[in-house]
C-alpha atoms as a PDB file:
ATOM      1  CA  UNK A   1     -95.935 -72.721-231.577  1.00  0.00           C
ATOM      2  CA  UNK A   2     -94.636 -75.784-229.799  1.00  0.00           C
ATOM      3  CA  UNK A   3     -90.983 -76.690-230.309  1.00  0.00           C
ATOM      4  CA  UNK A   4     -89.228 -79.841-229.325  1.00  0.00           C
ATOM      5  CA  UNK A   5     -86.122 -79.922-227.158  1.00  0.00           C
ATOM      6  CA  UNK A   6     -84.101 -80.890-230.246  1.00  0.00           C
ATOM      7  CA  UNK A   7     -85.435 -77.869-232.171  1.00  0.00           C
ATOM      8  CA  UNK A   8     -84.561 -75.523-229.293  1.00  0.00           C
ATOM      9  CA  UNK A   9     -81.015 -76.925-229.066  1.00  0.00           C
ATOM     10  CA  UNK A  10     -80.640 -76.637-232.825  1.00  0.00           C
ATOM     11  CA  UNK A  11     -81.720 -73.007-232.693  1.00  0.00           C
ATOM     12  CA  UNK A  12     -79.288 -72.288-229.835  1.00  0.00           C
ATOM     13  CA  UNK A  13     -76.475 -73.987-231.764  1.00  0.00           C
ATOM     14  CA  UNK A  14     -77.222 -71.841-234.818  1.00  0.00           C
ATOM     15  CA  UNK A  15     -77.255 -68.666-232.712  1.00  0.00           C
ATOM     16  CA  UNK A  16     -73.939 -69.517-231.077  1.00  0.00           C
ATOM     17  CA  UNK A  17     -72.392 -70.361-234.444  1.00  0.00           C
ATOM     18  CA  UNK A  18     -73.478 -66.936-235.712  1.00  0.00           C
ATOM     19  CA  UNK A  19     -71.587 -65.089-232.954  1.00  0.00           C
ATOM     20  CA  UNK A  20     -68.372 -63.413-234.085  1.00  0.00           C
ATOM     21  CA  UNK A  21     -65.347 -65.660-233.605  1.00  0.00           C
ATOM     22  CA  UNK A  22     -63.587 -63.098-231.402  1.00  0.00           C
ATOM     23  CA  UNK A  23     -66.269 -63.373-228.714  1.00  0.00           C
ATOM     24  CA  UNK A  24     -64.945 -66.732-227.553  1.00  0.00           C
ATOM     25  CA  UNK A  25     -61.336 -66.012-228.475  1.00  0.00           C
ATOM     26  CA  UNK A  26     -60.764 -62.581-226.976  1.00  0.00           C
ATOM     27  CA  UNK A  27     -57.745 -62.792-224.657  1.00  0.00           C
ATOM     28  CA  UNK A  28     -58.719 -62.526-220.990  1.00  0.00           C
ATOM     29  CA  UNK A  29     -56.311 -59.653-220.371  1.00  0.00           C
ATOM     30  CA  UNK A  30     -58.301 -57.462-222.776  1.00  0.00           C
ATOM     31  CA  UNK A  31     -61.655 -58.414-221.246  1.00  0.00           C
ATOM     32  CA  UNK A  32     -61.796 -55.690-218.586  1.00  0.00           C
ATOM     33  CA  UNK A  33     -63.773 -52.488-218.374  1.00  0.00           C
ATOM     34  CA  UNK A  34     -61.365 -49.585-218.677  1.00  0.00           C
ATOM     35  CA  UNK A  35     -62.454 -46.077-217.779  1.00  0.00           C
ATOM     36  CA  UNK A  36     -61.859 -43.598-220.573  1.00  0.00           C
ATOM     37  CA  UNK A  37     -59.725 -40.534-219.942  1.00  0.00           C
ATOM     38  CA  UNK A  38     -61.651 -37.748-218.168  1.00  0.00           C
ATOM     39  CA  UNK A  39     -64.944 -39.587-218.556  1.00  0.00           C
ATOM     40  CA  UNK A  40     -67.396 -41.688-216.611  1.00  0.00           C
ATOM     41  CA  UNK A  41     -67.661 -43.980-219.638  1.00  0.00           C
ATOM     42  CA  UNK A  42     -65.796 -47.254-219.809  1.00  0.00           C
ATOM     43  CA  UNK A  43     -64.699 -49.417-222.685  1.00  0.00           C
ATOM     44  CA  UNK A  44     -63.983 -53.117-222.846  1.00  0.00           C
ATOM     45  CA  UNK A  45     -61.091 -53.739-225.232  1.00  0.00           C
ATOM     46  CA  UNK A  46     -62.674 -57.024-226.355  1.00  0.00           C
ATOM     47  CA  UNK A  47     -65.669 -55.006-227.544  1.00  0.00           C
ATOM     48  CA  UNK A  48     -63.515 -52.225-228.988  1.00  0.00           C
ATOM     49  CA  UNK A  49     -60.908 -54.317-230.759  1.00  0.00           C
ATOM     50  CA  UNK A  50     -63.166 -57.222-231.812  1.00  0.00           C
ATOM     51  CA  UNK A  51     -60.232 -59.447-232.756  1.00  0.00           C
ATOM     52  CA  UNK A  52     -58.403 -56.663-234.544  1.00  0.00           C
ATOM     53  CA  UNK A  53     -54.712 -55.847-234.281  1.00  0.00           C
ATOM     54  CA  UNK A  54     -53.830 -53.123-231.802  1.00  0.00           C
ATOM     55  CA  UNK A  55     -51.205 -50.492-231.168  1.00  0.00           C
ATOM     56  CA  UNK A  56     -51.002 -49.962-227.408  1.00  0.00           C
ATOM     57  CA  UNK A  57     -49.033 -47.004-226.050  1.00  0.00           C
ATOM     58  CA  UNK A  58     -48.367 -45.766-222.526  1.00  0.00           C
ATOM     59  CA  UNK A  59     -48.659 -41.979-222.602  1.00  0.00           C
ATOM     60  CA  UNK A  60     -48.026 -38.895-220.507  1.00  0.00           C
ATOM     61  CA  UNK A  61     -49.090 -35.320-221.093  1.00  0.00           C
ATOM     62  CA  UNK A  62     -45.984 -33.580-219.698  1.00  0.00           C
ATOM     63  CA  UNK A  63     -43.170 -35.458-221.367  1.00  0.00           C
ATOM     64  CA  UNK A  64     -40.626 -34.607-224.020  1.00  0.00           C
ATOM     65  CA  UNK A  65     -42.349 -37.190-226.212  1.00  0.00           C
ATOM     66  CA  UNK A  66     -45.875 -35.792-225.760  1.00  0.00           C
ATOM     67  CA  UNK A  67     -45.719 -34.435-229.321  1.00  0.00           C
ATOM     68  CA  UNK A  68     -45.991 -38.044-230.475  1.00  0.00           C
ATOM     69  CA  UNK A  69     -49.748 -37.810-229.883  1.00  0.00           C
ATOM     70  CA  UNK A  70     -49.910 -36.115-233.286  1.00  0.00           C
ATOM     71  CA  UNK A  71     -48.162 -39.028-234.993  1.00  0.00           C
ATOM     72  CA  UNK A  72     -50.251 -41.605-233.113  1.00  0.00           C
ATOM     73  CA  UNK A  73     -53.403 -39.841-234.286  1.00  0.00           C
ATOM     74  CA  UNK A  74     -52.044 -39.934-237.850  1.00  0.00           C
ATOM     75  CA  UNK A  75     -51.491 -43.707-237.500  1.00  0.00           C
ATOM     76  CA  UNK A  76     -55.037 -44.061-236.184  1.00  0.00           C
ATOM     77  CA  UNK A  77     -56.435 -42.133-239.157  1.00  0.00           C
ATOM     78  CA  UNK A  78     -54.283 -44.036-241.661  1.00  0.00           C
ATOM     79  CA  UNK A  79     -54.890 -47.571-240.423  1.00  0.00           C
ATOM     80  CA  UNK A  80     -58.288 -47.614-238.691  1.00  0.00           C
ATOM     81  CA  UNK A  81     -60.135 -48.562-241.881  1.00  0.00           C
ATOM     82  CA  UNK A  82     -57.677 -51.444-242.306  1.00  0.00           C
ATOM     83  CA  UNK A  83     -58.563 -52.716-238.825  1.00  0.00           C
ATOM     84  CA  UNK A  84     -55.903 -51.259-236.505  1.00  0.00           C
ATOM     85  CA  UNK A  85     -57.121 -50.132-233.085  1.00  0.00           C
ATOM     86  CA  UNK A  86     -54.920 -47.553-231.343  1.00  0.00           C
ATOM     87  CA  UNK A  87     -55.279 -47.299-227.567  1.00  0.00           C
ATOM     88  CA  UNK A  88     -53.380 -44.920-225.317  1.00  0.00           C
ATOM     89  CA  UNK A  89     -52.982 -45.625-221.608  1.00  0.00           C
ATOM     90  CA  UNK A  90     -52.291 -42.456-219.638  1.00  0.00           C
ATOM     91  CA  UNK A  91     -49.864 -43.152-216.816  1.00  0.00           C
ATOM     92  CA  UNK A  92     -47.890 -41.304-214.188  1.00  0.00           C
ATOM     93  CA  UNK A  93     -45.413 -44.152-213.629  1.00  0.00           C
ATOM     94  CA  UNK A  94     -42.598 -41.865-214.791  1.00  0.00           C
ATOM     95  CA  UNK A  95     -43.981 -38.731-213.098  1.00  0.00           C
ATOM     96  CA  UNK A  96     -44.764 -36.983-216.355  1.00  0.00           C
ATOM     97  CA  UNK A  97     -48.577 -36.980-216.312  1.00  0.00           C
ATOM     98  CA  UNK A  98     -50.635 -33.841-215.790  1.00  0.00           C
ATOM     99  CA  UNK A  99     -51.848 -33.224-212.251  1.00  0.00           C
ATOM    100  CA  UNK A 100     -55.524 -33.612-213.252  1.00  0.00           C
ATOM    101  CA  UNK A 101     -57.357 -35.759-215.772  1.00  0.00           C
ATOM    102  CA  UNK A 102     -58.981 -32.629-217.129  1.00  0.00           C
ATOM    103  CA  UNK A 103     -55.554 -31.215-217.999  1.00  0.00           C
ATOM    104  CA  UNK A 104     -54.411 -34.538-219.496  1.00  0.00           C
ATOM    105  CA  UNK A 105     -57.583 -34.692-221.594  1.00  0.00           C
ATOM    106  CA  UNK A 106     -57.012 -31.143-222.819  1.00  0.00           C
ATOM    107  CA  UNK A 107     -53.488 -32.040-223.931  1.00  0.00           C
ATOM    108  CA  UNK A 108     -54.737 -35.127-225.793  1.00  0.00           C
ATOM    109  CA  UNK A 109     -58.038 -34.042-227.231  1.00  0.00           C
ATOM    110  CA  UNK A 110     -57.640 -30.271-227.652  1.00  0.00           C
ATOM    111  CA  UNK A 111     -53.917 -29.701-228.196  1.00  0.00           C
ATOM    112  CA  UNK A 112     -53.307 -32.784-230.366  1.00  0.00           C
ATOM    113  CA  UNK A 113     -56.781 -33.659-231.676  1.00  0.00           C
ATOM    114  CA  UNK A 114     -56.662 -37.261-230.447  1.00  0.00           C
ATOM    115  CA  UNK A 115     -59.695 -39.291-231.512  1.00  0.00           C
ATOM    116  CA  UNK A 116     -58.376 -42.767-230.669  1.00  0.00           C
ATOM    117  CA  UNK A 117     -59.331 -44.320-227.341  1.00  0.00           C
ATOM    118  CA  UNK A 118     -57.481 -42.969-224.328  1.00  0.00           C
ATOM    119  CA  UNK A 119     -57.685 -44.828-221.023  1.00  0.00           C
ATOM    120  CA  UNK A 120     -57.717 -42.973-217.679  1.00  0.00           C
ATOM    121  CA  UNK A 121     -54.390 -42.734-215.826  1.00  0.00           C
ATOM    122  CA  UNK A 122     -53.165 -45.853-214.101  1.00  0.00           C
ATOM    123  CA  UNK A 123     -49.991 -47.867-213.553  1.00  0.00           C
ATOM    124  CA  UNK A 124     -48.354 -49.621-216.503  1.00  0.00           C
ATOM    125  CA  UNK A 125     -45.412 -51.123-214.610  1.00  0.00           C
ATOM    126  CA  UNK A 126     -45.029 -53.245-211.491  1.00  0.00           C
ATOM    127  CA  UNK A 127     -47.519 -55.408-209.651  1.00  0.00           C
ATOM    128  CA  UNK A 128     -50.229 -52.727-209.736  1.00  0.00           C
ATOM    129  CA  UNK A 129     -50.099 -52.399-213.544  1.00  0.00           C
ATOM    130  CA  UNK A 130     -53.304 -52.313-215.516  1.00  0.00           C
ATOM    131  CA  UNK A 131     -54.258 -55.911-216.582  1.00  0.00           C
ATOM    132  CA  UNK A 132     -53.462 -55.081-220.202  1.00  0.00           C
ATOM    133  CA  UNK A 133     -49.961 -53.946-219.297  1.00  0.00           C
ATOM    134  CA  UNK A 134     -49.389 -56.836-216.886  1.00  0.00           C
ATOM    135  CA  UNK A 135     -49.793 -59.180-219.851  1.00  0.00           C
ATOM    136  CA  UNK A 136     -47.880 -56.979-222.285  1.00  0.00           C
ATOM    137  CA  UNK A 137     -45.047 -56.787-219.742  1.00  0.00           C
ATOM    138  CA  UNK A 138     -45.111 -60.579-219.396  1.00  0.00           C
ATOM    139  CA  UNK A 139     -44.981 -61.102-223.157  1.00  0.00           C
ATOM    140  CA  UNK A 140     -42.454 -58.371-223.882  1.00  0.00           C
ATOM    141  CA  UNK A 141     -40.813 -55.951-221.487  1.00  0.00           C
ATOM    142  CA  UNK A 142     -42.291 -53.221-219.298  1.00  0.00           C
ATOM    143  CA  UNK A 143     -42.098 -49.689-220.611  1.00  0.00           C
ATOM    144  CA  UNK A 144     -38.928 -47.925-219.534  1.00  0.00           C
ATOM    145  CA  UNK A 145     -40.415 -44.534-220.282  1.00  0.00           C
ATOM    146  CA  UNK A 146     -43.526 -42.876-221.703  1.00  0.00           C
ATOM    147  CA  UNK A 147     -44.636 -43.520-225.272  1.00  0.00           C
ATOM    148  CA  UNK A 148     -43.411 -47.086-225.494  1.00  0.00           C
ATOM    149  CA  UNK A 149     -45.345 -48.668-228.338  1.00  0.00           C
ATOM    150  CA  UNK A 150     -46.553 -52.277-228.532  1.00  0.00           C
ATOM    151  CA  UNK A 151     -47.972 -53.903-231.651  1.00  0.00           C
ATOM    152  CA  UNK A 152     -50.430 -56.714-230.871  1.00  0.00           C
ATOM    153  CA  UNK A 153     -51.780 -59.171-233.415  1.00  0.00           C
ATOM    154  CA  UNK A 154     -55.414 -60.276-233.677  1.00  0.00           C
ATOM    155  CA  UNK A 155     -54.839 -62.865-230.942  1.00  0.00           C
ATOM    156  CA  UNK A 156     -53.418 -60.343-228.462  1.00  0.00           C
ATOM    157  CA  UNK A 157     -49.803 -61.434-228.874  1.00  0.00           C
ATOM    158  CA  UNK A 158     -47.139 -58.741-228.769  1.00  0.00           C
ATOM    159  CA  UNK A 159     -45.371 -58.958-232.127  1.00  0.00           C
ATOM    160  CA  UNK A 160     -43.142 -55.891-231.724  1.00  0.00           C
ATOM    161  CA  UNK A 161     -42.297 -53.188-229.216  1.00  0.00           C
ATOM    162  CA  UNK A 162     -40.657 -49.843-229.736  1.00  0.00           C
ATOM    163  CA  UNK A 163     -39.095 -47.482-227.204  1.00  0.00           C
ATOM    164  CA  UNK A 164     -40.052 -43.840-226.743  1.00  0.00           C
ATOM    165  CA  UNK A 165     -37.461 -42.515-229.167  1.00  0.00           C
ATOM    166  CA  UNK A 166     -39.107 -44.411-232.056  1.00  0.00           C
ATOM    167  CA  UNK A 167     -41.554 -41.967-233.557  1.00  0.00           C
ATOM    168  CA  UNK A 168     -44.980 -43.069-234.818  1.00  0.00           C
ATOM    169  CA  UNK A 169     -43.932 -42.454-238.435  1.00  0.00           C
ATOM    170  CA  UNK A 170     -40.804 -44.625-238.146  1.00  0.00           C
ATOM    171  CA  UNK A 171     -40.645 -47.120-241.049  1.00  0.00           C
ATOM    172  CA  UNK A 172     -39.969 -50.046-238.678  1.00  0.00           C
ATOM    173  CA  UNK A 173     -43.116 -49.302-236.658  1.00  0.00           C
ATOM    174  CA  UNK A 174     -45.144 -48.860-239.841  1.00  0.00           C
ATOM    175  CA  UNK A 175     -43.842 -52.199-241.135  1.00  0.00           C
ATOM    176  CA  UNK A 176     -44.725 -53.954-237.850  1.00  0.00           C
ATOM    177  CA  UNK A 177     -48.256 -52.553-238.097  1.00  0.00           C
ATOM    178  CA  UNK A 178     -48.618 -53.634-241.741  1.00  0.00           C
ATOM    179  CA  UNK A 179     -47.546 -57.173-240.764  1.00  0.00           C
ATOM    180  CA  UNK A 180     -50.445 -57.593-238.317  1.00  0.00           C
ATOM    181  CA  UNK A 181     -53.096 -56.095-240.593  1.00  0.00           C
END
């Protein structure tokens, strides 16, 4: 079948219009391949979040707040069907991470039953911070300790942040999550 140039351009325009809106609008700081914890697999947060609100948390497996993994998993289970994406970023910035990724993965996945996405250990503060945290730190403030929680809206804007002492079931955190859903 022979098509004219106009027909081809029309078809291309229709195909582009059919793409999800988030494809063109995903914030650049989320558009990076991130290696998953204790895995060779990577995830791109633009693909994972697809324009959905996110709860981003810097984590550590040997910290007094490590028990919060249980509450974060509960948030994931409660809000995932409403569109919330929970992502944990393992980090040793505060010298509380396990000595191996295997041990960190065991803490997350075996001890606490984490099913939300966990990113391999990397910096979350300073000039070497992961691109996601560089932007979060610019928009808000860098984490002062492990288990700092950041609520991001569908556009990747930090709408709220909560320090380590704020537990995942805290009403203020739950309210901040509800506001972005």
